[in-house]
PDB file of N, CA and C in Angstrom:
ATOM      1  N   MET A   1      69.419  57.640 122.071  1.00  0.00           N
ATOM      2  CA  MET A   1      69.689  58.919 121.432  1.00  0.00           C
ATOM      3  C   MET A   1      71.138  58.982 120.923  1.00  0.00           C
ATOM      4  N   LYS A   2      72.066  58.462 121.757  1.00  0.00           N
ATOM      5  CA  LYS A   2      73.466  58.477 121.349  1.00  0.00           C
ATOM      6  C   LYS A   2      73.670  57.603 120.106  1.00  0.00           C
ATOM      7  N   HIS A   3      72.981  56.472 120.063  1.00  0.00           N
ATOM      8  CA  HIS A   3      73.053  55.580 118.903  1.00  0.00           C
ATOM      9  C   HIS A   3      72.561  56.305 117.646  1.00  0.00           C
ATOM     10  N   TYR A   4      71.481  57.074 117.778  1.00  0.00           N
ATOM     11  CA  TYR A   4      70.923  57.848 116.662  1.00  0.00           C
ATOM     12  C   TYR A   4      71.947  58.863 116.153  1.00  0.00           C
ATOM     13  N   ALA A   5      72.616  59.556 117.061  1.00  0.00           N
ATOM     14  CA  ALA A   5      73.600  60.567 116.671  1.00  0.00           C
ATOM     15  C   ALA A   5      74.780  59.928 115.946  1.00  0.00           C
ATOM     16  N   VAL A   6      75.223  58.779 116.423  1.00  0.00           N
ATOM     17  CA  VAL A   6      76.334  58.088 115.776  1.00  0.00           C
ATOM     18  C   VAL A   6      75.933  57.636 114.374  1.00  0.00           C
ATOM     19  N   CYS A   7      74.731  57.087 114.251  1.00  0.00           N
ATOM     20  CA  CYS A   7      74.239  56.654 112.933  1.00  0.00           C
ATOM     21  C   CYS A   7      74.113  57.832 111.981  1.00  0.00           C
ATOM     22  N   LEU A   8      73.581  58.945 112.482  1.00  0.00           N
ATOM     23  CA  LEU A   8      73.433  60.142 111.656  1.00  0.00           C
ATOM     24  C   LEU A   8      74.802  60.643 111.197  1.00  0.00           C
ATOM     25  N   ALA A   9      75.766  60.679 112.101  1.00  0.00           N
ATOM     26  CA  ALA A   9      77.112  61.124 111.744  1.00  0.00           C
ATOM     27  C   ALA A   9      77.722  60.207 110.691  1.00  0.00           C
ATOM     28  N   LEU A  10      77.512  58.912 110.841  1.00  0.00           N
ATOM     29  CA  LEU A  10      78.037  57.954 109.871  1.00  0.00           C
ATOM     30  C   LEU A  10      77.404  58.150 108.492  1.00  0.00           C
ATOM     31  N   VAL A  11      76.102  58.351 108.470  1.00  0.00           N
ATOM     32  CA  VAL A  11      75.401  58.583 107.203  1.00  0.00           C
ATOM     33  C   VAL A  11      75.896  59.868 106.553  1.00  0.00           C
ATOM     34  N   LEU A  12      76.037  60.936 107.336  1.00  0.00           N
ATOM     35  CA  LEU A  12      76.534  62.199 106.783  1.00  0.00           C
ATOM     36  C   LEU A  12      77.950  62.041 106.240  1.00  0.00           C
ATOM     37  N   PHE A  13      78.769  61.292 106.942  1.00  0.00           N
ATOM     38  CA  PHE A  13      80.130  61.044 106.481  1.00  0.00           C
ATOM     39  C   PHE A  13      80.130  60.304 105.151  1.00  0.00           C
ATOM     40  N   MET A  14      79.255  59.333 105.019  1.00  0.00           N
ATOM     41  CA  MET A  14      79.197  58.542 103.787  1.00  0.00           C
ATOM     42  C   MET A  14      78.598  59.331 102.632  1.00  0.00           C
ATOM     43  N   VAL A  15      77.706  60.256 102.906  1.00  0.00           N
ATOM     44  CA  VAL A  15      77.046  61.031 101.859  1.00  0.00           C
ATOM     45  C   VAL A  15      77.891  62.214 101.419  1.00  0.00           C
ATOM     46  N   THR A  16      78.680  62.778 102.296  1.00  0.00           N
ATOM     47  CA  THR A  16      79.448  63.977 101.985  1.00  0.00           C
ATOM     48  C   THR A  16      80.311  63.833 100.736  1.00  0.00           C
ATOM     49  N   PRO A  17      81.053  62.755 100.539  1.00  0.00           N
ATOM     50  CA  PRO A  17      81.826  62.659  99.294  1.00  0.00           C
ATOM     51  C   PRO A  17      80.962  62.703  98.039  1.00  0.00           C
ATOM     52  N   ALA A  18      79.737  62.249  98.122  1.00  0.00           N
ATOM     53  CA  ALA A  18      78.845  62.291  96.963  1.00  0.00           C
ATOM     54  C   ALA A  18      78.394  63.712  96.681  1.00  0.00           C
ATOM     55  N   VAL A  19      78.313  64.534  97.724  1.00  0.00           N
ATOM     56  CA  VAL A  19      77.872  65.915  97.552  1.00  0.00           C
ATOM     57  C   VAL A  19      79.014  66.767  97.019  1.00  0.00           C
ATOM     58  N   VAL A  20      80.209  66.588  97.564  1.00  0.00           N
ATOM     59  CA  VAL A  20      81.380  67.324  97.105  1.00  0.00           C
ATOM     60  C   VAL A  20      82.002  66.504  95.981  1.00  0.00           C
ATOM     61  N   LEU A  21      81.584  66.798  94.769  1.00  0.00           N
ATOM     62  CA  LEU A  21      82.009  65.995  93.622  1.00  0.00           C
ATOM     63  C   LEU A  21      83.454  66.292  93.256  1.00  0.00           C
ATOM     64  N   ALA A  22      84.218  65.264  93.149  1.00  0.00           N
ATOM     65  CA  ALA A  22      85.590  65.398  92.687  1.00  0.00           C
ATOM     66  C   ALA A  22      85.604  65.164  91.183  1.00  0.00           C
ATOM     67  N   VAL A  23      86.602  65.709  90.556  1.00  0.00           N
ATOM     68  CA  VAL A  23      86.782  65.501  89.122  1.00  0.00           C
ATOM     69  C   VAL A  23      87.322  64.091  88.924  1.00  0.00           C
ATOM     70  N   ASP A  24      86.859  63.423  87.891  1.00  0.00           N
ATOM     71  CA  ASP A  24      87.440  62.122  87.560  1.00  0.00           C
ATOM     72  C   ASP A  24      87.821  62.095  86.080  1.00  0.00           C
ATOM     73  N   SER A  25      88.452  61.026  85.664  1.00  0.00           N
ATOM     74  CA  SER A  25      88.983  60.952  84.296  1.00  0.00           C
ATOM     75  C   SER A  25      87.899  61.083  83.231  1.00  0.00           C
ATOM     76  N   VAL A  26      86.684  60.669  83.527  1.00  0.00           N
ATOM     77  CA  VAL A  26      85.581  60.783  82.557  1.00  0.00           C
ATOM     78  C   VAL A  26      85.306  62.248  82.227  1.00  0.00           C
ATOM     79  N   ASP A  27      85.430  63.131  83.220  1.00  0.00           N
ATOM     80  CA  ASP A  27      85.187  64.556  82.964  1.00  0.00           C
ATOM     81  C   ASP A  27      86.142  65.099  81.906  1.00  0.00           C
ATOM     82  N   PHE A  28      87.371  64.595  81.864  1.00  0.00           N
ATOM     83  CA  PHE A  28      88.353  65.084  80.897  1.00  0.00           C
ATOM     84  C   PHE A  28      88.042  64.653  79.463  1.00  0.00           C
ATOM     85  N   GLU A  29      87.106  63.746  79.297  1.00  0.00           N
ATOM     86  CA  GLU A  29      86.659  63.381  77.950  1.00  0.00           C
ATOM     87  C   GLU A  29      85.704  64.434  77.397  1.00  0.00           C
ATOM     88  N   VAL A  30      85.134  65.254  78.236  1.00  0.00           N
ATOM     89  CA  VAL A  30      84.266  66.382  77.905  1.00  0.00           C
ATOM     90  C   VAL A  30      83.206  65.997  76.881  1.00  0.00           C
ATOM     91  N   GLN A  31      82.480  64.946  77.180  1.00  0.00           N
ATOM     92  CA  GLN A  31      81.389  64.504  76.310  1.00  0.00           C
ATOM     93  C   GLN A  31      80.118  65.314  76.528  1.00  0.00           C
ATOM     94  N   THR A  32      79.991  65.913  77.725  1.00  0.00           N
ATOM     95  CA  THR A  32      78.779  66.664  78.059  1.00  0.00           C
ATOM     96  C   THR A  32      79.143  67.996  78.699  1.00  0.00           C
ATOM     97  N   THR A  33      78.166  68.885  78.711  1.00  0.00           N
ATOM     98  CA  THR A  33      78.344  70.162  79.391  1.00  0.00           C
ATOM     99  C   THR A  33      78.621  69.940  80.868  1.00  0.00           C
ATOM    100  N   LYS A  34      77.983  68.949  81.471  1.00  0.00           N
ATOM    101  CA  LYS A  34      78.209  68.653  82.889  1.00  0.00           C
ATOM    102  C   LYS A  34      79.661  68.280  83.131  1.00  0.00           C
ATOM    103  N   ASN A  35      80.268  67.509  82.218  1.00  0.00           N
ATOM    104  CA  ASN A  35      81.696  67.191  82.361  1.00  0.00           C
ATOM    105  C   ASN A  35      82.525  68.470  82.406  1.00  0.00           C
ATOM    106  N   LEU A  36      82.237  69.385  81.477  1.00  0.00           N
ATOM    107  CA  LEU A  36      82.990  70.638  81.431  1.00  0.00           C
ATOM    108  C   LEU A  36      82.757  71.454  82.694  1.00  0.00           C
ATOM    109  N   LEU A  37      81.520  71.522  83.165  1.00  0.00           N
ATOM    110  CA  LEU A  37      81.242  72.255  84.403  1.00  0.00           C
ATOM    111  C   LEU A  37      81.987  71.652  85.584  1.00  0.00           C
ATOM    112  N   ASN A  38      82.070  70.334  85.637  1.00  0.00           N
ATOM    113  CA  ASN A  38      82.827  69.699  86.719  1.00  0.00           C
ATOM    114  C   ASN A  38      84.284  70.150  86.694  1.00  0.00           C
ATOM    115  N   LEU A  39      84.856  70.251  85.515  1.00  0.00           N
ATOM    116  CA  LEU A  39      86.240  70.707  85.391  1.00  0.00           C
ATOM    117  C   LEU A  39      86.378  72.175  85.778  1.00  0.00           C
ATOM    118  N   CYS A  40      85.432  72.989  85.334  1.00  0.00           N
ATOM    119  CA  CYS A  40      85.507  74.435  85.565  1.00  0.00           C
ATOM    120  C   CYS A  40      85.214  74.835  87.005  1.00  0.00           C
ATOM    121  N   THR A  41      84.546  73.973  87.753  1.00  0.00           N
ATOM    122  CA  THR A  41      84.159  74.315  89.130  1.00  0.00           C
ATOM    123  C   THR A  41      84.849  73.416  90.152  1.00  0.00           C
ATOM    124  N   VAL A  42      85.923  72.767  89.769  1.00  0.00           N
ATOM    125  CA  VAL A  42      86.648  71.867  90.663  1.00  0.00           C
ATOM    126  C   VAL A  42      87.141  72.629  91.899  1.00  0.00           C
ATOM    127  N   ALA A  43      87.111  71.972  93.034  1.00  0.00           N
ATOM    128  CA  ALA A  43      87.579  72.578  94.284  1.00  0.00           C
ATOM    129  C   ALA A  43      89.109  72.681  94.267  1.00  0.00           C
ATOM    130  N   PRO A  44      89.649  73.778  94.786  1.00  0.00           N
ATOM    131  CA  PRO A  44      91.114  73.944  94.799  1.00  0.00           C
ATOM    132  C   PRO A  44      91.859  72.814  95.502  1.00  0.00           C
ATOM    133  N   GLU A  45      91.197  72.151  96.443  1.00  0.00           N
ATOM    134  CA  GLU A  45      91.878  71.061  97.149  1.00  0.00           C
ATOM    135  C   GLU A  45      91.845  69.731  96.388  1.00  0.00           C
ATOM    136  N   ASP A  46      91.153  69.674  95.254  1.00  0.00           N
ATOM    137  CA  ASP A  46      91.117  68.450  94.449  1.00  0.00           C
ATOM    138  C   ASP A  46      92.511  68.194  93.881  1.00  0.00           C
ATOM    139  N   GLU A  47      92.934  66.940  93.888  1.00  0.00           N
ATOM    140  CA  GLU A  47      94.276  66.607  93.397  1.00  0.00           C
ATOM    141  C   GLU A  47      94.449  66.903  91.911  1.00  0.00           C
ATOM    142  N   LEU A  48      93.361  67.021  91.168  1.00  0.00           N
ATOM    143  CA  LEU A  48      93.437  67.333  89.737  1.00  0.00           C
ATOM    144  C   LEU A  48      93.042  68.784  89.439  1.00  0.00           C
ATOM    145  N   TYR A  49      93.104  69.635  90.459  1.00  0.00           N
ATOM    146  CA  TYR A  49      92.664  71.029  90.304  1.00  0.00           C
ATOM    147  C   TYR A  49      93.372  71.736  89.137  1.00  0.00           C
ATOM    148  N   ALA A  50      94.694  71.728  89.138  1.00  0.00           N
ATOM    149  CA  ALA A  50      95.435  72.467  88.102  1.00  0.00           C
ATOM    150  C   ALA A  50      95.088  71.954  86.709  1.00  0.00           C
ATOM    151  N   GLU A  51      95.050  70.651  86.557  1.00  0.00           N
ATOM    152  CA  GLU A  51      94.730  70.068  85.258  1.00  0.00           C
ATOM    153  C   GLU A  51      93.309  70.425  84.830  1.00  0.00           C
ATOM    154  N   ALA A  52      92.378  70.348  85.773  1.00  0.00           N
ATOM    155  CA  ALA A  52      90.970  70.614  85.459  1.00  0.00           C
ATOM    156  C   ALA A  52      90.745  72.070  85.065  1.00  0.00           C
ATOM    157  N   ILE A  53      91.283  72.995  85.841  1.00  0.00           N
ATOM    158  CA  ILE A  53      91.091  74.425  85.546  1.00  0.00           C
ATOM    159  C   ILE A  53      91.749  74.783  84.218  1.00  0.00           C
ATOM    160  N   ASN A  54      92.955  74.292  84.000  1.00  0.00           N
ATOM    161  CA  ASN A  54      93.630  74.586  82.734  1.00  0.00           C
ATOM    162  C   ASN A  54      92.885  73.984  81.549  1.00  0.00           C
ATOM    163  N   PHE A  55      92.345  72.791  81.715  1.00  0.00           N
ATOM    164  CA  PHE A  55      91.561  72.166  80.651  1.00  0.00           C
ATOM    165  C   PHE A  55      90.314  72.990  80.378  1.00  0.00           C
ATOM    166  N   CYS A  56      89.624  73.406  81.429  1.00  0.00           N
ATOM    167  CA  CYS A  56      88.415  74.235  81.293  1.00  0.00           C
ATOM    168  C   CYS A  56      88.718  75.490  80.481  1.00  0.00           C
ATOM    169  N   HIS A  57      89.735  76.227  80.901  1.00  0.00           N
ATOM    170  CA  HIS A  57      90.081  77.470  80.208  1.00  0.00           C
ATOM    171  C   HIS A  57      90.486  77.198  78.766  1.00  0.00           C
ATOM    172  N   GLY A  58      91.310  76.176  78.560  1.00  0.00           N
ATOM    173  CA  GLY A  58      91.751  75.847  77.207  1.00  0.00           C
ATOM    174  C   GLY A  58      90.602  75.461  76.297  1.00  0.00           C
ATOM    175  N   TYR A  59      89.671  74.674  76.823  1.00  0.00           N
ATOM    176  CA  TYR A  59      88.522  74.239  76.024  1.00  0.00           C
ATOM    177  C   TYR A  59      87.674  75.441  75.615  1.00  0.00           C
ATOM    178  N   LEU A  60      87.279  76.248  76.596  1.00  0.00           N
ATOM    179  CA  LEU A  60      86.381  77.375  76.307  1.00  0.00           C
ATOM    180  C   LEU A  60      87.038  78.416  75.409  1.00  0.00           C
ATOM    181  N   ILE A  61      88.271  78.774  75.696  1.00  0.00           N
ATOM    182  CA  ILE A  61      88.959  79.782  74.890  1.00  0.00           C
ATOM    183  C   ILE A  61      89.281  79.227  73.504  1.00  0.00           C
ATOM    184  N   GLY A  62      89.683  77.966  73.433  1.00  0.00           N
ATOM    185  CA  GLY A  62      89.977  77.350  72.137  1.00  0.00           C
ATOM    186  C   GLY A  62      88.763  77.311  71.230  1.00  0.00           C
ATOM    187  N   ALA A  63      87.616  76.914  71.779  1.00  0.00           N
ATOM    188  CA  ALA A  63      86.385  76.866  70.975  1.00  0.00           C
ATOM    189  C   ALA A  63      85.999  78.261  70.507  1.00  0.00           C
ATOM    190  N   TYR A  64      86.130  79.254  71.392  1.00  0.00           N
ATOM    191  CA  TYR A  64      85.792  80.630  71.025  1.00  0.00           C
ATOM    192  C   TYR A  64      86.729  81.133  69.921  1.00  0.00           C
ATOM    193  N   HIS A  65      88.022  80.904  70.070  1.00  0.00           N
ATOM    194  CA  HIS A  65      88.978  81.372  69.056  1.00  0.00           C
ATOM    195  C   HIS A  65      88.754  80.677  67.719  1.00  0.00           C
ATOM    196  N   TYR A  66      88.474  79.384  67.748  1.00  0.00           N
ATOM    197  CA  TYR A  66      88.198  78.669  66.506  1.00  0.00           C
ATOM    198  C   TYR A  66      86.989  79.285  65.803  1.00  0.00           C
ATOM    199  N   HIS A  67      85.938  79.542  66.557  1.00  0.00           N
ATOM    200  CA  HIS A  67      84.740  80.164  65.991  1.00  0.00           C
ATOM    201  C   HIS A  67      85.078  81.539  65.418  1.00  0.00           C
ATOM    202  N   HIS A  68      85.851  82.301  66.168  1.00  0.00           N
ATOM    203  CA  HIS A  68      86.175  83.672  65.772  1.00  0.00           C
ATOM    204  C   HIS A  68      86.944  83.715  64.448  1.00  0.00           C
ATOM    205  N   VAL A  69      87.867  82.797  64.240  1.00  0.00           N
ATOM    206  CA  VAL A  69      88.673  82.840  63.013  1.00  0.00           C
ATOM    207  C   VAL A  69      88.030  82.112  61.845  1.00  0.00           C
ATOM    208  N   SER A  70      87.027  81.299  62.108  1.00  0.00           N
ATOM    209  CA  SER A  70      86.420  80.543  61.006  1.00  0.00           C
ATOM    210  C   SER A  70      84.994  80.982  60.713  1.00  0.00           C
ATOM    211  N   LYS A  71      84.664  82.222  61.060  1.00  0.00           N
ATOM    212  CA  LYS A  71      83.304  82.721  60.827  1.00  0.00           C
ATOM    213  C   LYS A  71      82.948  82.670  59.352  1.00  0.00           C
ATOM    214  N   LYS A  72      81.752  82.207  59.110  1.00  0.00           N
ATOM    215  CA  LYS A  72      81.199  82.250  57.761  1.00  0.00           C
ATOM    216  C   LYS A  72      79.847  82.927  57.886  1.00  0.00           C
ATOM    217  N   GLY A  73      79.585  83.874  57.038  1.00  0.00           N
ATOM    218  CA  GLY A  73      78.315  84.586  57.124  1.00  0.00           C
ATOM    219  C   GLY A  73      78.360  85.655  58.204  1.00  0.00           C
ATOM    220  N   GLU A  74      77.189  86.054  58.630  1.00  0.00           N
ATOM    221  CA  GLU A  74      77.089  87.116  59.630  1.00  0.00           C
ATOM    222  C   GLU A  74      77.490  86.618  61.011  1.00  0.00           C
ATOM    223  N   ALA A  75      78.119  87.519  61.760  1.00  0.00           N
ATOM    224  CA  ALA A  75      78.533  87.183  63.123  1.00  0.00           C
ATOM    225  C   ALA A  75      77.306  86.949  63.998  1.00  0.00           C
ATOM    226  N   GLN A  76      77.392  85.952  64.855  1.00  0.00           N
ATOM    227  CA  GLN A  76      76.305  85.659  65.784  1.00  0.00           C
ATOM    228  C   GLN A  76      76.645  86.073  67.205  1.00  0.00           C
ATOM    229  N   VAL A  77      77.933  86.303  67.456  1.00  0.00           N
ATOM    230  CA  VAL A  77      78.396  86.698  68.782  1.00  0.00           C
ATOM    231  C   VAL A  77      79.190  87.984  68.640  1.00  0.00           C
ATOM    232  N   CYS A  78      78.807  89.001  69.396  1.00  0.00           N
ATOM    233  CA  CYS A  78      79.499  90.286  69.363  1.00  0.00           C
ATOM    234  C   CYS A  78      79.849  90.696  70.790  1.00  0.00           C
ATOM    235  N   VAL A  79      81.023  90.270  71.228  1.00  0.00           N
ATOM    236  CA  VAL A  79      81.483  90.596  72.577  1.00  0.00           C
ATOM    237  C   VAL A  79      81.828  92.080  72.588  1.00  0.00           C
ATOM    238  N   PRO A  80      81.378  92.818  73.609  1.00  0.00           N
ATOM    239  CA  PRO A  80      81.610  94.263  73.645  1.00  0.00           C
ATOM    240  C   PRO A  80      83.091  94.598  73.831  1.00  0.00           C
ATOM    241  N   GLU A  81      83.446  95.791  73.400  1.00  0.00           N
ATOM    242  CA  GLU A  81      84.796  96.320  73.617  1.00  0.00           C
ATOM    243  C   GLU A  81      84.720  97.348  74.730  1.00  0.00           C
ATOM    244  N   PRO A  82      85.619  97.356  75.656  1.00  0.00           N
ATOM    245  CA  PRO A  82      86.680  96.381  75.823  1.00  0.00           C
ATOM    246  C   PRO A  82      86.097  95.041  76.262  1.00  0.00           C
ATOM    247  N   GLN A  83      86.715  93.980  75.794  1.00  0.00           N
ATOM    248  CA  GLN A  83      86.227  92.645  76.134  1.00  0.00           C
ATOM    249  C   GLN A  83      86.413  92.381  77.626  1.00  0.00           C
ATOM    250  N   PRO A  84      85.457  91.657  78.213  1.00  0.00           N
ATOM    251  CA  PRO A  84      85.652  91.235  79.605  1.00  0.00           C
ATOM    252  C   PRO A  84      86.894  90.341  79.687  1.00  0.00           C
ATOM    253  N   SER A  85      87.471  90.265  80.857  1.00  0.00           N
ATOM    254  CA  SER A  85      88.639  89.399  81.026  1.00  0.00           C
ATOM    255  C   SER A  85      88.250  87.941  80.792  1.00  0.00           C
ATOM    256  N   ARG A  86      89.242  87.122  80.531  1.00  0.00           N
ATOM    257  CA  ARG A  86      89.002  85.691  80.331  1.00  0.00           C
ATOM    258  C   ARG A  86      88.306  85.097  81.548  1.00  0.00           C
ATOM    259  N   ASN A  87      88.795  85.419  82.747  1.00  0.00           N
ATOM    260  CA  ASN A  87      88.180  84.875  83.955  1.00  0.00           C
ATOM    261  C   ASN A  87      86.744  85.349  84.118  1.00  0.00           C
ATOM    262  N   ALA A  88      86.466  86.595  83.762  1.00  0.00           N
ATOM    263  CA  ALA A  88      85.095  87.114  83.861  1.00  0.00           C
ATOM    264  C   ALA A  88      84.180  86.387  82.880  1.00  0.00           C
ATOM    265  N   MET A  89      84.662  86.171  81.653  1.00  0.00           N
ATOM    266  CA  MET A  89      83.843  85.474  80.653  1.00  0.00           C
ATOM    267  C   MET A  89      83.572  84.031  81.077  1.00  0.00           C
ATOM    268  N   ILE A  90      84.589  83.357  81.589  1.00  0.00           N
ATOM    269  CA  ILE A  90      84.412  81.974  82.030  1.00  0.00           C
ATOM    270  C   ILE A  90      83.484  81.925  83.238  1.00  0.00           C
ATOM    271  N   GLY A  91      83.623  82.881  84.139  1.00  0.00           N
ATOM    272  CA  GLY A  91      82.716  82.952  85.291  1.00  0.00           C
ATOM    273  C   GLY A  91      81.273  83.149  84.867  1.00  0.00           C
ATOM    274  N   LYS A  92      81.060  84.005  83.867  1.00  0.00           N
ATOM    275  CA  LYS A  92      79.701  84.215  83.347  1.00  0.00           C
ATOM    276  C   LYS A  92      79.164  82.929  82.713  1.00  0.00           C
ATOM    277  N   PHE A  93      80.016  82.220  81.978  1.00  0.00           N
ATOM    278  CA  PHE A  93      79.589  80.957  81.374  1.00  0.00           C
ATOM    279  C   PHE A  93      79.187  79.954  82.449  1.00  0.00           C
ATOM    280  N   ILE A  94      79.997  79.822  83.479  1.00  0.00           N
ATOM    281  CA  ILE A  94      79.695  78.873  84.556  1.00  0.00           C
ATOM    282  C   ILE A  94      78.352  79.208  85.195  1.00  0.00           C
ATOM    283  N   SER A  95      78.147  80.479  85.533  1.00  0.00           N
ATOM    284  CA  SER A  95      76.870  80.893  86.145  1.00  0.00           C
ATOM    285  C   SER A  95      75.700  80.602  85.220  1.00  0.00           C
ATOM    286  N   TRP A  96      75.864  80.939  83.947  1.00  0.00           N
ATOM    287  CA  TRP A  96      74.792  80.710  82.974  1.00  0.00           C
ATOM    288  C   TRP A  96      74.502  79.219  82.837  1.00  0.00           C
ATOM    289  N   ALA A  97      75.539  78.419  82.678  1.00  0.00           N
ATOM    290  CA  ALA A  97      75.350  76.972  82.489  1.00  0.00           C
ATOM    291  C   ALA A  97      74.720  76.328  83.720  1.00  0.00           C
ATOM    292  N   GLU A  98      75.118  76.767  84.906  1.00  0.00           N
ATOM    293  CA  GLU A  98      74.521  76.215  86.129  1.00  0.00           C
ATOM    294  C   GLU A  98      73.047  76.579  86.239  1.00  0.00           C
ATOM    295  N   SER A  99      72.662  77.717  85.680  1.00  0.00           N
ATOM    296  CA  SER A  99      71.248  78.112  85.728  1.00  0.00           C
ATOM    297  C   SER A  99      70.452  77.566  84.538  1.00  0.00           C
ATOM    298  N   HIS A 100      71.103  76.815  83.663  1.00  0.00           N
ATOM    299  CA  HIS A 100      70.452  76.174  82.517  1.00  0.00           C
ATOM    300  C   HIS A 100      70.790  74.677  82.495  1.00  0.00           C
ATOM    301  N   PRO A 101      70.404  73.941  83.541  1.00  0.00           N
ATOM    302  CA  PRO A 101      70.777  72.518  83.627  1.00  0.00           C
ATOM    303  C   PRO A 101      70.183  71.657  82.518  1.00  0.00           C
ATOM    304  N   GLN A 102      69.224  72.179  81.775  1.00  0.00           N
ATOM    305  CA  GLN A 102      68.638  71.398  80.683  1.00  0.00           C
ATOM    306  C   GLN A 102      69.679  71.086  79.600  1.00  0.00           C
ATOM    307  N   TYR A 103      70.803  71.788  79.604  1.00  0.00           N
ATOM    308  CA  TYR A 103      71.850  71.546  78.611  1.00  0.00           C
ATOM    309  C   TYR A 103      72.982  70.661  79.141  1.00  0.00           C
ATOM    310  N   ASN A 104      72.871  70.157  80.362  1.00  0.00           N
ATOM    311  CA  ASN A 104      73.950  69.376  80.983  1.00  0.00           C
ATOM    312  C   ASN A 104      74.388  68.171  80.163  1.00  0.00           C
ATOM    313  N   LYS A 105      73.476  67.565  79.418  1.00  0.00           N
ATOM    314  CA  LYS A 105      73.821  66.356  78.663  1.00  0.00           C
ATOM    315  C   LYS A 105      74.201  66.655  77.215  1.00  0.00           C
ATOM    316  N   GLU A 106      74.196  67.922  76.849  1.00  0.00           N
ATOM    317  CA  GLU A 106      74.534  68.298  75.472  1.00  0.00           C
ATOM    318  C   GLU A 106      76.036  68.489  75.315  1.00  0.00           C
ATOM    319  N   LEU A 107      76.479  68.567  74.073  1.00  0.00           N
ATOM    320  CA  LEU A 107      77.889  68.832  73.809  1.00  0.00           C
ATOM    321  C   LEU A 107      78.264  70.191  74.392  1.00  0.00           C
ATOM    322  N   PRO A 108      79.376  70.280  75.090  1.00  0.00           N
ATOM    323  CA  PRO A 108      79.732  71.541  75.738  1.00  0.00           C
ATOM    324  C   PRO A 108      79.966  72.690  74.769  1.00  0.00           C
ATOM    325  N   VAL A 109      80.473  72.416  73.579  1.00  0.00           N
ATOM    326  CA  VAL A 109      80.692  73.495  72.624  1.00  0.00           C
ATOM    327  C   VAL A 109      79.361  74.112  72.200  1.00  0.00           C
ATOM    328  N   GLU A 110      78.322  73.296  72.072  1.00  0.00           N
ATOM    329  CA  GLU A 110      76.999  73.829  71.733  1.00  0.00           C
ATOM    330  C   GLU A 110      76.449  74.683  72.868  1.00  0.00           C
ATOM    331  N   THR A 111      76.659  74.241  74.087  1.00  0.00           N
ATOM    332  CA  THR A 111      76.201  75.025  75.239  1.00  0.00           C
ATOM    333  C   THR A 111      76.972  76.332  75.330  1.00  0.00           C
ATOM    334  N   GLU A 112      78.263  76.282  75.069  1.00  0.00           N
ATOM    335  CA  GLU A 112      79.067  77.505  75.106  1.00  0.00           C
ATOM    336  C   GLU A 112      78.528  78.534  74.119  1.00  0.00           C
ATOM    337  N   PHE A 113      78.182  78.101  72.902  1.00  0.00           N
ATOM    338  CA  PHE A 113      77.716  79.071  71.917  1.00  0.00           C
ATOM    339  C   PHE A 113      76.277  79.510  72.161  1.00  0.00           C
ATOM    340  N   ARG A 114      75.488  78.689  72.795  1.00  0.00           N
ATOM    341  CA  ARG A 114      74.166  79.165  73.249  1.00  0.00           C
ATOM    342  C   ARG A 114      74.358  80.321  74.224  1.00  0.00           C
ATOM    343  N   PHE A 115      75.260  80.102  75.178  1.00  0.00           N
ATOM    344  CA  PHE A 115      75.571  81.138  76.167  1.00  0.00           C
ATOM    345  C   PHE A 115      76.065  82.411  75.484  1.00  0.00           C
ATOM    346  N   LEU A 116      77.026  82.281  74.590  1.00  0.00           N
ATOM    347  CA  LEU A 116      77.591  83.456  73.930  1.00  0.00           C
ATOM    348  C   LEU A 116      76.545  84.211  73.117  1.00  0.00           C
ATOM    349  N   MET A 117      75.719  83.481  72.362  1.00  0.00           N
ATOM    350  CA  MET A 117      74.706  84.142  71.525  1.00  0.00           C
ATOM    351  C   MET A 117      73.615  84.791  72.368  1.00  0.00           C
ATOM    352  N   GLU A 118      73.312  84.213  73.519  1.00  0.00           N
ATOM    353  CA  GLU A 118      72.312  84.811  74.404  1.00  0.00           C
ATOM    354  C   GLU A 118      72.888  85.999  75.170  1.00  0.00           C
ATOM    355  N   THR A 119      74.147  85.900  75.557  1.00  0.00           N
ATOM    356  CA  THR A 119      74.772  86.942  76.375  1.00  0.00           C
ATOM    357  C   THR A 119      75.224  88.131  75.543  1.00  0.00           C
ATOM    358  N   TRP A 120      75.822  87.875  74.382  1.00  0.00           N
ATOM    359  CA  TRP A 120      76.341  88.939  73.526  1.00  0.00           C
ATOM    360  C   TRP A 120      75.868  88.767  72.082  1.00  0.00           C
ATOM    361  N   PRO A 121      74.568  88.876  71.851  1.00  0.00           N
ATOM    362  CA  PRO A 121      74.075  88.735  70.473  1.00  0.00           C
ATOM    363  C   PRO A 121      74.480  89.950  69.635  1.00  0.00           C
ATOM    364  N   CYS A 122      74.613  89.747  68.358  1.00  0.00           N
ATOM    365  CA  CYS A 122      74.885  90.856  67.451  1.00  0.00           C
ATOM    366  C   CYS A 122      73.557  91.507  67.085  1.00  0.00           C
ATOM    367  N   SER A 123      73.544  92.837  67.080  1.00  0.00           N
ATOM    368  CA  SER A 123      72.304  93.523  66.687  1.00  0.00           C
ATOM    369  C   SER A 123      72.126  93.370  65.192  1.00  0.00           C
ATOM    370  N   LYS A 124      70.877  93.267  64.789  1.00  0.00           N
ATOM    371  CA  LYS A 124      70.581  93.041  63.370  1.00  0.00           C
ATOM    372  C   LYS A 124      70.241  94.316  62.678  1.00  0.00           C
TER     373      LYS A 124
END
């Protein structure tokens, strides 16, 4: 029985790092929505926490601002006034993206605008 407990503890120890995903350099390439989610949900104790969170915020806000100033045609996203805070909007995106894993392999900017158009569509 003691041997079983030691083996179980060893297996749990070896599996735990796989469960608690750390950010790595590939995530900063932001090729997929999953990469962006890894950056946006990094644990505060991760050595790349500050870089990851700042990258997440910069990416999402930058894409939104670019869209906002380069609109052509009718608006597809109509965020209500007063606008939610940046942290609230990013939190909503994270929750939405985590509940839509089918987009994990897609470009993060496309996933961001799916979220925005579904969350704050413009009335026609």
